Amino acid sequence: MGGIICFVTNNSWLDGIATAGFRLYLEKEFTSIYVFNLRGSIRGKSGISAKKEGQNVFDIMAGVAITLLVK
């Protein structure tokens, strides 16, 4: 069976050490993976560092990622 899964989450799973196994599983399970990292994570950042991150589209302090998984 094939299909498409799409979900919106915070973007911390993209480079976190704790989610390395999750990313490996996604790579093995799906034929195509598209991740749109919308960034915007300004929690704990200030000044230039926060400006580089940009504004968040959802008016929250956590970064956002949209993921499309195709099987």
Protein backbone atom coordinates (compact mmCIF):
# COMPACT_ATOMS: atom_id res chain seq x y z
CA MET A 1 0.00 0.00 0.00
CA GLY A 2 1.12 3.52 -0.68
CA GLY A 3 0.01 6.91 0.36
CA ILE A 4 0.97 10.32 1.67
CA ILE A 5 1.26 11.48 5.27
CA CYS A 6 1.59 15.15 6.14
CA PHE A 7 2.08 16.63 9.59
CA VAL A 8 3.00 19.94 11.20
CA THR A 9 5.29 19.80 14.25
CA ASN A 10 7.93 21.81 15.98
CA ASN A 11 11.27 21.62 14.14
CA SER A 12 13.37 20.32 17.02
CA TRP A 13 13.22 16.74 15.71
CA LEU A 14 15.16 17.75 12.58
CA ASP A 15 18.53 17.93 14.31
CA GLY A 16 17.97 16.59 17.84
CA ILE A 17 20.09 13.70 19.06
CA ALA A 18 17.12 12.03 20.77
CA THR A 19 15.23 11.76 17.46
CA ALA A 20 18.04 10.21 15.39
CA GLY A 21 16.29 6.82 15.43
CA PHE A 22 13.04 8.39 14.29
CA ARG A 23 14.75 10.06 11.33
CA LEU A 24 16.45 6.77 10.41
CA TYR A 25 13.10 4.96 10.52
CA LEU A 26 11.51 7.56 8.24
CA GLU A 27 14.35 7.16 5.75
CA LYS A 28 13.91 3.39 5.64
CA GLU A 29 10.11 3.36 5.58
CA PHE A 30 9.26 6.05 3.00
CA THR A 31 10.32 6.48 -0.62
CA SER A 32 10.26 10.31 -0.57
CA ILE A 33 10.48 12.74 2.32
CA TYR A 34 9.88 16.46 2.02
CA VAL A 35 10.50 18.68 5.03
CA PHE A 36 9.74 22.39 4.97
CA ASN A 37 11.57 23.92 7.92
CA LEU A 38 9.76 27.21 8.52
CA ARG A 39 12.24 28.08 11.29
CA GLY A 40 11.07 30.81 13.70
CA SER A 41 12.45 29.24 16.88
CA ILE A 42 13.24 32.27 19.03
CA ARG A 43 12.83 30.71 22.48
CA GLY A 44 15.98 31.42 24.46
CA LYS A 45 17.48 33.59 21.73
CA SER A 46 17.88 37.33 21.61
CA GLY A 47 19.36 40.06 19.45
CA ILE A 48 21.02 39.05 16.20
CA SER A 49 20.50 35.36 16.83
CA ALA A 50 16.70 35.82 17.07
CA LYS A 51 16.63 38.10 14.01
CA LYS A 52 18.46 35.47 11.92
CA GLU A 53 15.78 32.94 12.83
CA GLY A 54 13.03 35.20 11.50
CA GLN A 55 9.41 35.49 12.51
CA ASN A 56 7.17 32.52 13.05
CA VAL A 57 4.09 32.15 10.85
CA PHE A 58 2.00 30.90 13.80
CA ASP A 59 2.90 33.66 16.29
CA ILE A 60 4.60 31.22 18.67
CA MET A 61 8.18 30.99 19.94
CA ALA A 62 8.86 27.41 18.82
CA GLY A 63 10.13 26.60 15.33
CA VAL A 64 7.77 24.88 12.89
CA ALA A 65 8.30 22.13 10.30
CA ILE A 66 5.87 20.74 7.74
CA THR A 67 6.68 17.16 6.73
CA LEU A 68 5.35 15.19 3.75
CA LEU A 69 6.06 11.47 3.68
CA VAL A 70 5.39 9.50 0.47
CA LYS A 71 5.26 5.72 0.33
